[in-house]
Amino acid sequence: MNTSTFFTRIIIIIAGLSCLVWSGCRKLSSIGPNKGADTVKSNTVHVIPNYNSSDTELTSKGWSKVFEDNFDGDLSQWHALTGGVQKELACYQPANLKVSGGYLEISAKKETVTGPAIVGEPATKSFDYTSGWMVSKTSISANETTPVVRIVARLKAAPGYGLTSFLYTFGGNWPTNGEIDFLEIKGSDTNELLSDYQYGTVPLQDLVKNALSTTVTDGDLSAAFHVYEFEWSQNSIKTYIDGELVETKTVGGYIPQLFGKTEYLSLSLPVGGLYYNNFMPEKVQTGTMVVDYVKIFTAKKSL
């Protein structure tokens, strides 16, 4: 399958609602051959196992909460995708997204299934793994009305070679409406948080260079819950871990072009793909990404 076909826009109809998504748009966003090696790597930052946060820490400062899922009910606020993605090993399916005990569990499993070879396309194939991928029905935008958007997520990354815990936002007609990869944690390097973003003026052409960065932590991000906060504004993307600012991303040349774009929030657990250089399929391990909550706040200015 050629790149143009792979990036064809698809319309997913779930529960009578339409969501415009790109099949695997974010799959070229990490450390694959188009991006090269990490461009920025932090000094080691301290993290606090099982840290938690309070909404009042933000609302008392003027933030307004516009989205919340504590995963104590169903997944009615999300679209669950079905099918594969180019160069990955798993078939995404709703069954791998499970709400249990107030947590969302996104599990990669070793099992043989037949499903769409590419999400949204009719051709099928056999897969040796399954996993989960979901996209919010609620859109997100840092714009003139809400200049600052803050995403807060408390989660445990999935351990295991070949897995990548992923939280990001993206828009249709990729990458003309942008993509922000807030959180990428490889299961083989669970003390490192990677982040990146993409933008282009025409479909399929990402213009952003040298924006991939790695935050090294002094703890295993799969061993305990940590709170990740991401602040998207007109000129920067900030990352907080357990209440501490660890990165302010201004590089890449195109963050201002993301302002005003409409994106959707996504959580997924890819198996293989372009996240791993010199990938060795025989070493793949299965695992689970556990999410306690996801919340979105907006503000009229950076607070």
C-alpha atoms as a PDB file:
ATOM      1  CA  MET A   1       0.000   0.000   0.000  1.00  0.00           C
ATOM      2  CA  ASN A   2       1.432   3.382  -0.980  1.00  0.00           C
ATOM      3  CA  THR A   3       1.630   6.364   1.358  1.00  0.00           C
ATOM      4  CA  SER A   4      -1.165   8.252  -0.391  1.00  0.00           C
ATOM      5  CA  THR A   5      -3.590   5.376   0.039  1.00  0.00           C
ATOM      6  CA  PHE A   6      -2.507   4.831   3.643  1.00  0.00           C
ATOM      7  CA  PHE A   7      -3.298   8.418   4.576  1.00  0.00           C
ATOM      8  CA  THR A   8      -6.685   8.536   2.842  1.00  0.00           C
ATOM      9  CA  ARG A   9      -9.177  10.248   5.115  1.00  0.00           C
ATOM     10  CA  ILE A  10     -11.809   7.895   6.512  1.00  0.00           C
ATOM     11  CA  ILE A  11     -15.119   8.507   8.191  1.00  0.00           C
ATOM     12  CA  ILE A  12     -15.768   6.320  11.217  1.00  0.00           C
ATOM     13  CA  ILE A  13     -19.434   5.897  12.135  1.00  0.00           C
ATOM     14  CA  ILE A  14     -19.846   4.809  15.754  1.00  0.00           C
ATOM     15  CA  ALA A  15     -23.127   4.953  17.661  1.00  0.00           C
ATOM     16  CA  GLY A  16     -24.629   7.121  14.910  1.00  0.00           C
ATOM     17  CA  LEU A  17     -21.972   9.831  15.225  1.00  0.00           C
ATOM     18  CA  SER A  18     -19.326  10.794  12.674  1.00  0.00           C
ATOM     19  CA  CYS A  19     -15.685  11.369  13.510  1.00  0.00           C
ATOM     20  CA  LEU A  20     -13.151  12.411  10.885  1.00  0.00           C
ATOM     21  CA  VAL A  21      -9.877  10.618  11.491  1.00  0.00           C
ATOM     22  CA  TRP A  22      -6.753   9.670   9.606  1.00  0.00           C
ATOM     23  CA  SER A  23      -5.767   6.045   9.531  1.00  0.00           C
ATOM     24  CA  GLY A  24      -2.517   6.091  11.423  1.00  0.00           C
ATOM     25  CA  CYS A  25      -1.676   9.750  10.860  1.00  0.00           C
ATOM     26  CA  ARG A  26       0.417   9.830  14.007  1.00  0.00           C
ATOM     27  CA  LYS A  27       2.383   6.738  13.076  1.00  0.00           C
ATOM     28  CA  LEU A  28       5.073   8.784  11.357  1.00  0.00           C
ATOM     29  CA  SER A  29       5.423  11.181  14.236  1.00  0.00           C
ATOM     30  CA  SER A  30       7.951   9.477  16.409  1.00  0.00           C
ATOM     31  CA  ILE A  31      11.467   8.219  15.907  1.00  0.00           C
ATOM     32  CA  GLY A  32      10.991   6.574  12.562  1.00  0.00           C
ATOM     33  CA  PRO A  33      13.207   7.291   9.553  1.00  0.00           C
ATOM     34  CA  ASN A  34      11.423  10.546   8.694  1.00  0.00           C
ATOM     35  CA  LYS A  35      12.263  12.163  12.032  1.00  0.00           C
ATOM     36  CA  GLY A  36      15.697  10.851  12.881  1.00  0.00           C
ATOM     37  CA  ALA A  37      17.079  10.540  16.405  1.00  0.00           C
ATOM     38  CA  ASP A  38      15.953  12.562  19.401  1.00  0.00           C
ATOM     39  CA  THR A  39      16.920  16.197  19.006  1.00  0.00           C
ATOM     40  CA  VAL A  40      16.551  17.273  22.638  1.00  0.00           C
ATOM     41  CA  LYS A  41      17.130  15.122  25.718  1.00  0.00           C
ATOM     42  CA  SER A  42      16.576  16.463  29.218  1.00  0.00           C
ATOM     43  CA  ASN A  43      18.552  16.058  32.363  1.00  0.00           C
ATOM     44  CA  THR A  44      16.905  13.544  34.682  1.00  0.00           C
ATOM     45  CA  VAL A  45      13.763  14.925  36.318  1.00  0.00           C
ATOM     46  CA  HIS A  46      12.205  13.719  39.561  1.00  0.00           C
ATOM     47  CA  VAL A  47       8.807  12.012  39.512  1.00  0.00           C
ATOM     48  CA  ILE A  48       6.496  11.062  42.386  1.00  0.00           C
ATOM     49  CA  PRO A  49       4.971   7.550  42.306  1.00  0.00           C
ATOM     50  CA  ASN A  50       1.147   7.557  42.496  1.00  0.00           C
ATOM     51  CA  TYR A  51       0.981  11.341  42.465  1.00  0.00           C
ATOM     52  CA  ASN A  52      -2.501  12.818  42.106  1.00  0.00           C
ATOM     53  CA  SER A  53      -3.876  16.272  41.359  1.00  0.00           C
ATOM     54  CA  SER A  54      -6.991  18.233  42.265  1.00  0.00           C
ATOM     55  CA  ASP A  55      -9.256  20.151  39.910  1.00  0.00           C
ATOM     56  CA  THR A  56      -9.294  23.049  42.348  1.00  0.00           C
ATOM     57  CA  GLU A  57      -5.571  23.556  41.774  1.00  0.00           C
ATOM     58  CA  LEU A  58      -6.582  24.751  38.297  1.00  0.00           C
ATOM     59  CA  THR A  59     -10.127  26.103  38.707  1.00  0.00           C
ATOM     60  CA  SER A  60      -9.036  28.334  41.598  1.00  0.00           C
ATOM     61  CA  LYS A  61      -6.605  29.987  39.198  1.00  0.00           C
ATOM     62  CA  GLY A  62      -9.209  30.607  36.527  1.00  0.00           C
ATOM     63  CA  TRP A  63      -9.187  27.449  34.425  1.00  0.00           C
ATOM     64  CA  SER A  64     -12.555  26.101  33.205  1.00  0.00           C
ATOM     65  CA  LYS A  65     -13.080  22.346  32.882  1.00  0.00           C
ATOM     66  CA  VAL A  66     -14.635  21.463  29.514  1.00  0.00           C
ATOM     67  CA  PHE A  67     -14.138  17.688  29.381  1.00  0.00           C
ATOM     68  CA  GLU A  68     -13.755  14.907  31.925  1.00  0.00           C
ATOM     69  CA  ASP A  69     -13.730  11.122  31.910  1.00  0.00           C
ATOM     70  CA  ASN A  70     -12.978   9.298  35.157  1.00  0.00           C
ATOM     71  CA  PHE A  71     -13.676   5.924  33.557  1.00  0.00           C
ATOM     72  CA  ASP A  72     -16.260   4.938  36.129  1.00  0.00           C
ATOM     73  CA  GLY A  73     -18.972   4.266  33.543  1.00  0.00           C
ATOM     74  CA  ASP A  74     -18.826   3.523  29.833  1.00  0.00           C
ATOM     75  CA  LEU A  75     -16.817   4.855  26.911  1.00  0.00           C
ATOM     76  CA  SER A  76     -19.659   6.849  25.371  1.00  0.00           C
ATOM     77  CA  GLN A  77     -17.430   9.940  25.041  1.00  0.00           C
ATOM     78  CA  TRP A  78     -15.087   8.115  22.674  1.00  0.00           C
ATOM     79  CA  HIS A  79     -14.965   6.418  19.287  1.00  0.00           C
ATOM     80  CA  ALA A  80     -13.275   2.991  19.333  1.00  0.00           C
ATOM     81  CA  LEU A  81     -11.425   2.174  16.107  1.00  0.00           C
ATOM     82  CA  THR A  82     -11.122  -1.224  14.431  1.00  0.00           C
ATOM     83  CA  GLY A  83      -8.380  -2.416  12.104  1.00  0.00           C
ATOM     84  CA  GLY A  84      -4.675  -2.192  11.483  1.00  0.00           C
ATOM     85  CA  VAL A  85      -2.116   0.502  10.737  1.00  0.00           C
ATOM     86  CA  GLN A  86       0.747   0.263   8.278  1.00  0.00           C
ATOM     87  CA  LYS A  87       3.893  -1.326   9.737  1.00  0.00           C
ATOM     88  CA  GLU A  88       2.195  -2.142  13.069  1.00  0.00           C
ATOM     89  CA  LEU A  89       1.469  -5.673  14.232  1.00  0.00           C
ATOM     90  CA  ALA A  90      -1.869  -5.338  16.027  1.00  0.00           C
ATOM     91  CA  CYS A  91      -5.477  -5.144  14.960  1.00  0.00           C
ATOM     92  CA  TYR A  92      -7.162  -2.405  17.001  1.00  0.00           C
ATOM     93  CA  GLN A  93     -10.522  -3.496  18.358  1.00  0.00           C
ATOM     94  CA  PRO A  94     -13.018  -2.210  20.952  1.00  0.00           C
ATOM     95  CA  ALA A  95     -12.633  -5.360  23.053  1.00  0.00           C
ATOM     96  CA  ASN A  96      -9.149  -4.214  24.070  1.00  0.00           C
ATOM     97  CA  LEU A  97     -10.595  -1.082  25.703  1.00  0.00           C
ATOM     98  CA  LYS A  98     -11.978  -2.071  29.105  1.00  0.00           C
ATOM     99  CA  VAL A  99     -13.366   0.005  31.967  1.00  0.00           C
ATOM    100  CA  SER A 100     -12.805  -1.753  35.295  1.00  0.00           C
ATOM    101  CA  GLY A 101     -12.758  -0.479  38.864  1.00  0.00           C
ATOM    102  CA  GLY A 102     -12.679   3.160  37.833  1.00  0.00           C
ATOM    103  CA  TYR A 103      -9.846   2.736  35.344  1.00  0.00           C
ATOM    104  CA  LEU A 104      -9.498   2.413  31.598  1.00  0.00           C
ATOM    105  CA  GLU A 105      -7.335  -0.528  30.545  1.00  0.00           C
ATOM    106  CA  ILE A 106      -5.897  -0.488  27.024  1.00  0.00           C
ATOM    107  CA  SER A 107      -4.371  -3.917  26.501  1.00  0.00           C
ATOM    108  CA  ALA A 108      -2.106  -5.345  23.825  1.00  0.00           C
ATOM    109  CA  LYS A 109      -2.660  -9.096  23.551  1.00  0.00           C
ATOM    110  CA  LYS A 110      -1.057 -11.997  21.726  1.00  0.00           C
ATOM    111  CA  GLU A 111      -3.956 -13.529  19.805  1.00  0.00           C
ATOM    112  CA  THR A 112      -4.814 -14.318  16.207  1.00  0.00           C
ATOM    113  CA  VAL A 113      -7.686 -12.365  14.676  1.00  0.00           C
ATOM    114  CA  THR A 114      -8.846 -11.303  11.237  1.00  0.00           C
ATOM    115  CA  GLY A 115      -9.778  -7.676  10.725  1.00  0.00           C
ATOM    116  CA  PRO A 116      -9.441  -4.686   8.383  1.00  0.00           C
ATOM    117  CA  ALA A 117      -5.848  -4.484   7.170  1.00  0.00           C
ATOM    118  CA  ILE A 118      -6.080  -0.695   7.534  1.00  0.00           C
ATOM    119  CA  VAL A 119      -8.604   1.110   9.727  1.00  0.00           C
ATOM    120  CA  GLY A 120     -11.581   2.154   7.604  1.00  0.00           C
ATOM    121  CA  GLU A 121     -10.750   0.049   4.544  1.00  0.00           C
ATOM    122  CA  PRO A 122     -12.565  -3.109   3.389  1.00  0.00           C
ATOM    123  CA  ALA A 123      -9.598  -5.432   2.764  1.00  0.00           C
ATOM    124  CA  THR A 124      -8.883  -7.800   5.668  1.00  0.00           C
ATOM    125  CA  LYS A 125      -5.836  -9.702   6.932  1.00  0.00           C
ATOM    126  CA  SER A 126      -4.776 -11.938   9.797  1.00  0.00           C
ATOM    127  CA  PHE A 127      -3.060 -10.357  12.810  1.00  0.00           C
ATOM    128  CA  ASP A 128      -1.016 -12.000  15.577  1.00  0.00           C
ATOM    129  CA  TYR A 129      -1.764  -9.223  18.092  1.00  0.00           C
ATOM    130  CA  THR A 130      -4.676  -7.018  19.131  1.00  0.00           C
ATOM    131  CA  SER A 131      -4.735  -3.666  20.909  1.00  0.00           C
ATOM    132  CA  GLY A 132      -6.911  -0.603  21.571  1.00  0.00           C
ATOM    133  CA  TRP A 133      -7.221   2.852  20.031  1.00  0.00           C
ATOM    134  CA  MET A 134      -9.879   5.447  20.817  1.00  0.00           C
ATOM    135  CA  VAL A 135     -10.593   9.031  19.734  1.00  0.00           C
ATOM    136  CA  SER A 136     -12.664  11.609  21.619  1.00  0.00           C
ATOM    137  CA  LYS A 137     -15.998  12.794  20.273  1.00  0.00           C
ATOM    138  CA  THR A 138     -15.165  16.197  21.784  1.00  0.00           C
ATOM    139  CA  SER A 139     -12.918  18.490  19.756  1.00  0.00           C
ATOM    140  CA  ILE A 140     -10.108  20.627  21.170  1.00  0.00           C
ATOM    141  CA  SER A 141      -8.752  23.960  19.990  1.00  0.00           C
ATOM    142  CA  ALA A 142      -6.425  26.636  21.299  1.00  0.00           C
ATOM    143  CA  ASN A 143      -7.960  29.667  19.602  1.00  0.00           C
ATOM    144  CA  GLU A 144      -8.975  33.290  20.083  1.00  0.00           C
ATOM    145  CA  THR A 145     -11.875  32.313  22.371  1.00  0.00           C
ATOM    146  CA  THR A 146      -9.914  29.812  24.477  1.00  0.00           C
ATOM    147  CA  PRO A 147      -6.243  30.731  23.907  1.00  0.00           C
ATOM    148  CA  VAL A 148      -4.855  28.109  26.283  1.00  0.00           C
ATOM    149  CA  VAL A 149      -5.836  24.435  26.491  1.00  0.00           C
ATOM    150  CA  ARG A 150      -4.608  22.170  29.280  1.00  0.00           C
ATOM    151  CA  ILE A 151      -4.910  18.377  29.062  1.00  0.00           C
ATOM    152  CA  VAL A 152      -4.528  16.461  32.330  1.00  0.00           C
ATOM    153  CA  ALA A 153      -4.122  12.684  32.372  1.00  0.00           C
ATOM    154  CA  ARG A 154      -3.268  10.299  35.196  1.00  0.00           C
ATOM    155  CA  LEU A 155      -1.975   6.991  33.890  1.00  0.00           C
ATOM    156  CA  LYS A 156       0.464   4.115  34.069  1.00  0.00           C
ATOM    157  CA  ALA A 157       2.346   3.399  30.865  1.00  0.00           C
ATOM    158  CA  ALA A 158       2.404  -0.125  29.469  1.00  0.00           C
ATOM    159  CA  PRO A 159       5.681  -1.999  29.975  1.00  0.00           C
ATOM    160  CA  GLY A 160       7.002  -4.378  27.349  1.00  0.00           C
ATOM    161  CA  TYR A 161       9.228  -4.275  24.295  1.00  0.00           C
ATOM    162  CA  GLY A 162       7.362  -3.269  21.166  1.00  0.00           C
ATOM    163  CA  LEU A 163       4.624  -1.300  22.938  1.00  0.00           C
ATOM    164  CA  THR A 164       4.169   2.489  22.988  1.00  0.00           C
ATOM    165  CA  SER A 165       1.727   4.255  25.303  1.00  0.00           C
ATOM    166  CA  PHE A 166       0.374   7.174  23.342  1.00  0.00           C
ATOM    167  CA  LEU A 167      -1.706  10.316  24.091  1.00  0.00           C
ATOM    168  CA  TYR A 168      -2.015  12.921  21.353  1.00  0.00           C
ATOM    169  CA  THR A 169      -4.367  15.259  19.504  1.00  0.00           C
ATOM    170  CA  PHE A 170      -4.843  15.488  15.756  1.00  0.00           C
ATOM    171  CA  GLY A 171      -7.064  17.087  13.133  1.00  0.00           C
ATOM    172  CA  GLY A 172      -8.410  16.025   9.766  1.00  0.00           C
ATOM    173  CA  ASN A 173      -6.690  16.509   6.417  1.00  0.00           C
ATOM    174  CA  TRP A 174      -3.408  15.600   8.126  1.00  0.00           C
ATOM    175  CA  PRO A 175      -1.246  17.494   8.882  1.00  0.00           C
ATOM    176  CA  THR A 176      -2.929  20.743   7.800  1.00  0.00           C
ATOM    177  CA  ASN A 177      -4.887  20.874  11.068  1.00  0.00           C
ATOM    178  CA  GLY A 178      -1.923  19.747  13.110  1.00  0.00           C
ATOM    179  CA  GLU A 179      -1.022  16.907  15.422  1.00  0.00           C
ATOM    180  CA  ILE A 180       0.468  17.220  18.894  1.00  0.00           C
ATOM    181  CA  ASP A 181       2.105  14.121  20.342  1.00  0.00           C
ATOM    182  CA  PHE A 182       1.973  15.012  24.011  1.00  0.00           C
ATOM    183  CA  LEU A 183       2.958  11.625  25.415  1.00  0.00           C
ATOM    184  CA  GLU A 184       4.870   8.718  23.914  1.00  0.00           C
ATOM    185  CA  ILE A 185       6.355   6.164  26.300  1.00  0.00           C
ATOM    186  CA  LYS A 186       8.037   3.127  24.816  1.00  0.00           C
ATOM    187  CA  GLY A 187       7.548  -0.053  26.817  1.00  0.00           C
ATOM    188  CA  SER A 188      11.264  -0.790  26.541  1.00  0.00           C
ATOM    189  CA  ASP A 189      12.246   2.646  27.942  1.00  0.00           C
ATOM    190  CA  THR A 190       9.687   3.410  30.613  1.00  0.00           C
ATOM    191  CA  ASN A 191      11.744   6.122  32.282  1.00  0.00           C
ATOM    192  CA  GLU A 192      11.519   8.338  29.186  1.00  0.00           C
ATOM    193  CA  LEU A 193       8.689  10.552  27.940  1.00  0.00           C
ATOM    194  CA  LEU A 194       8.855  11.607  24.286  1.00  0.00           C
ATOM    195  CA  SER A 195       6.913  14.465  22.699  1.00  0.00           C
ATOM    196  CA  ASP A 196       6.620  15.935  19.215  1.00  0.00           C
ATOM    197  CA  TYR A 197       4.213  17.736  16.873  1.00  0.00           C
ATOM    198  CA  GLN A 198       3.409  17.928  13.151  1.00  0.00           C
ATOM    199  CA  TYR A 199       2.046  20.566  10.780  1.00  0.00           C
ATOM    200  CA  GLY A 200       1.929  21.130   7.045  1.00  0.00           C
ATOM    201  CA  THR A 201       0.256  23.441   4.552  1.00  0.00           C
ATOM    202  CA  VAL A 202      -0.778  20.600   2.233  1.00  0.00           C
ATOM    203  CA  PRO A 203      -1.931  17.053   3.041  1.00  0.00           C
ATOM    204  CA  LEU A 204       0.665  14.374   3.770  1.00  0.00           C
ATOM    205  CA  GLN A 205       3.619  16.770   4.054  1.00  0.00           C
ATOM    206  CA  ASP A 206       4.888  17.421   7.588  1.00  0.00           C
ATOM    207  CA  LEU A 207       7.057  20.541   7.646  1.00  0.00           C
ATOM    208  CA  VAL A 208       8.135  20.333  11.309  1.00  0.00           C
ATOM    209  CA  LYS A 209      11.768  19.433  11.948  1.00  0.00           C
ATOM    210  CA  ASN A 210      13.806  18.955  15.121  1.00  0.00           C
ATOM    211  CA  ALA A 211      10.844  19.122  17.510  1.00  0.00           C
ATOM    212  CA  LEU A 212      11.131  15.615  18.950  1.00  0.00           C
ATOM    213  CA  SER A 213      12.284  15.703  22.576  1.00  0.00           C
ATOM    214  CA  THR A 214      12.844  13.226  25.400  1.00  0.00           C
ATOM    215  CA  THR A 215      12.282  13.856  29.100  1.00  0.00           C
ATOM    216  CA  VAL A 216      14.291  11.403  31.208  1.00  0.00           C
ATOM    217  CA  THR A 217      12.821  10.598  34.621  1.00  0.00           C
ATOM    218  CA  ASP A 218      14.221   8.994  37.767  1.00  0.00           C
ATOM    219  CA  GLY A 219      11.299   6.556  37.989  1.00  0.00           C
ATOM    220  CA  ASP A 220       9.642   3.768  36.010  1.00  0.00           C
ATOM    221  CA  LEU A 221       6.580   5.377  34.400  1.00  0.00           C
ATOM    222  CA  SER A 222       4.907   1.964  34.099  1.00  0.00           C
ATOM    223  CA  ALA A 223       5.295   1.027  37.775  1.00  0.00           C
ATOM    224  CA  ALA A 224       2.969   3.659  39.252  1.00  0.00           C
ATOM    225  CA  PHE A 225       0.470   6.332  38.276  1.00  0.00           C
ATOM    226  CA  HIS A 226       1.792   9.730  37.267  1.00  0.00           C
ATOM    227  CA  VAL A 227      -0.050  12.913  36.348  1.00  0.00           C
ATOM    228  CA  TYR A 228       0.829  14.388  32.966  1.00  0.00           C
ATOM    229  CA  GLU A 229      -0.318  17.899  32.099  1.00  0.00           C
ATOM    230  CA  PHE A 230       0.081  19.505  28.703  1.00  0.00           C
ATOM    231  CA  GLU A 231      -0.542  23.179  28.001  1.00  0.00           C
ATOM    232  CA  TRP A 232      -1.138  24.145  24.381  1.00  0.00           C
ATOM    233  CA  SER A 233      -1.046  27.877  23.609  1.00  0.00           C
ATOM    234  CA  GLN A 234      -0.260  30.031  20.596  1.00  0.00           C
ATOM    235  CA  ASN A 235       3.520  29.968  20.890  1.00  0.00           C
ATOM    236  CA  SER A 236       4.436  26.972  23.022  1.00  0.00           C
ATOM    237  CA  ILE A 237       3.552  23.487  24.222  1.00  0.00           C
ATOM    238  CA  LYS A 238       4.373  22.876  27.878  1.00  0.00           C
ATOM    239  CA  THR A 239       4.736  19.514  29.598  1.00  0.00           C
ATOM    240  CA  TYR A 240       4.311  18.912  33.325  1.00  0.00           C
ATOM    241  CA  ILE A 241       4.914  15.658  35.194  1.00  0.00           C
ATOM    242  CA  ASP A 242       3.584  15.290  38.739  1.00  0.00           C
ATOM    243  CA  GLY A 243       3.060  19.022  39.066  1.00  0.00           C
ATOM    244  CA  GLU A 244       6.462  20.138  37.772  1.00  0.00           C
ATOM    245  CA  LEU A 245       7.150  21.857  34.463  1.00  0.00           C
ATOM    246  CA  VAL A 246       9.675  19.682  32.604  1.00  0.00           C
ATOM    247  CA  GLU A 247       9.625  21.098  29.072  1.00  0.00           C
ATOM    248  CA  THR A 248       8.513  24.176  27.151  1.00  0.00           C
ATOM    249  CA  LYS A 249       8.532  23.350  23.472  1.00  0.00           C
ATOM    250  CA  THR A 250       8.929  26.288  21.098  1.00  0.00           C
ATOM    251  CA  VAL A 251      11.144  24.671  18.452  1.00  0.00           C
ATOM    252  CA  GLY A 252      10.159  23.266  15.082  1.00  0.00           C
ATOM    253  CA  GLY A 253       9.015  26.541  13.556  1.00  0.00           C
ATOM    254  CA  TYR A 254       5.283  25.876  13.303  1.00  0.00           C
ATOM    255  CA  ILE A 255       3.674  25.940  16.755  1.00  0.00           C
ATOM    256  CA  PRO A 256       1.915  29.286  15.989  1.00  0.00           C
ATOM    257  CA  GLN A 257       0.321  27.643  12.929  1.00  0.00           C
ATOM    258  CA  LEU A 258      -1.449  25.154  15.223  1.00  0.00           C
ATOM    259  CA  PHE A 259      -3.364  28.013  16.861  1.00  0.00           C
ATOM    260  CA  GLY A 260      -7.022  27.945  15.836  1.00  0.00           C
ATOM    261  CA  LYS A 261      -6.889  24.388  14.494  1.00  0.00           C
ATOM    262  CA  THR A 262      -9.511  21.849  15.589  1.00  0.00           C
ATOM    263  CA  GLU A 263      -8.157  18.553  16.891  1.00  0.00           C
ATOM    264  CA  TYR A 264      -9.380  15.439  18.700  1.00  0.00           C
ATOM    265  CA  LEU A 265      -7.852  13.656  21.673  1.00  0.00           C
ATOM    266  CA  SER A 266      -6.628  10.094  21.227  1.00  0.00           C
ATOM    267  CA  LEU A 267      -5.305   7.279  23.407  1.00  0.00           C
ATOM    268  CA  SER A 268      -3.731   4.178  21.897  1.00  0.00           C
ATOM    269  CA  LEU A 269      -1.232   1.378  22.498  1.00  0.00           C
ATOM    270  CA  PRO A 270       0.538   0.489  19.234  1.00  0.00           C
ATOM    271  CA  VAL A 271       2.445  -2.758  18.830  1.00  0.00           C
ATOM    272  CA  GLY A 272       5.560  -2.244  16.745  1.00  0.00           C
ATOM    273  CA  GLY A 273       5.487   0.364  14.006  1.00  0.00           C
ATOM    274  CA  LEU A 274       7.845   3.263  13.443  1.00  0.00           C
ATOM    275  CA  TYR A 275       8.400   3.964  17.128  1.00  0.00           C
ATOM    276  CA  TYR A 276      11.288   1.492  17.279  1.00  0.00           C
ATOM    277  CA  ASN A 277      14.502   1.665  15.286  1.00  0.00           C
ATOM    278  CA  ASN A 278      15.816  -1.750  14.217  1.00  0.00           C
ATOM    279  CA  PHE A 279      12.572  -3.294  15.457  1.00  0.00           C
ATOM    280  CA  MET A 280      12.728  -6.999  16.384  1.00  0.00           C
ATOM    281  CA  PRO A 281       9.215  -8.554  16.205  1.00  0.00           C
ATOM    282  CA  GLU A 282      10.348 -11.730  17.936  1.00  0.00           C
ATOM    283  CA  LYS A 283      10.958  -9.756  21.142  1.00  0.00           C
ATOM    284  CA  VAL A 284       7.482  -8.211  21.398  1.00  0.00           C
ATOM    285  CA  GLN A 285       5.858  -8.380  24.826  1.00  0.00           C
ATOM    286  CA  THR A 286       2.237  -7.724  25.688  1.00  0.00           C
ATOM    287  CA  GLY A 287       1.032  -5.316  28.365  1.00  0.00           C
ATOM    288  CA  THR A 288      -1.593  -2.828  29.507  1.00  0.00           C
ATOM    289  CA  MET A 289      -1.765   0.947  29.705  1.00  0.00           C
ATOM    290  CA  VAL A 290      -3.968   1.974  32.657  1.00  0.00           C
ATOM    291  CA  VAL A 291      -5.675   5.387  32.679  1.00  0.00           C
ATOM    292  CA  ASP A 292      -7.269   6.830  35.819  1.00  0.00           C
ATOM    293  CA  TYR A 293      -8.716   9.972  34.233  1.00  0.00           C
ATOM    294  CA  VAL A 294      -8.456  12.429  31.385  1.00  0.00           C
ATOM    295  CA  LYS A 295      -9.566  16.058  31.744  1.00  0.00           C
ATOM    296  CA  ILE A 296      -9.401  19.141  29.556  1.00  0.00           C
ATOM    297  CA  PHE A 297      -9.351  22.722  30.833  1.00  0.00           C
ATOM    298  CA  THR A 298      -9.314  26.033  28.974  1.00  0.00           C
ATOM    299  CA  ALA A 299      -8.290  29.556  29.971  1.00  0.00           C
ATOM    300  CA  LYS A 300      -8.335  33.045  28.514  1.00  0.00           C
ATOM    301  CA  LYS A 301      -4.595  33.386  29.121  1.00  0.00           C
ATOM    302  CA  SER A 302      -1.655  31.365  30.387  1.00  0.00           C
ATOM    303  CA  LEU A 303      -2.064  30.978  34.153  1.00  0.00           C
END
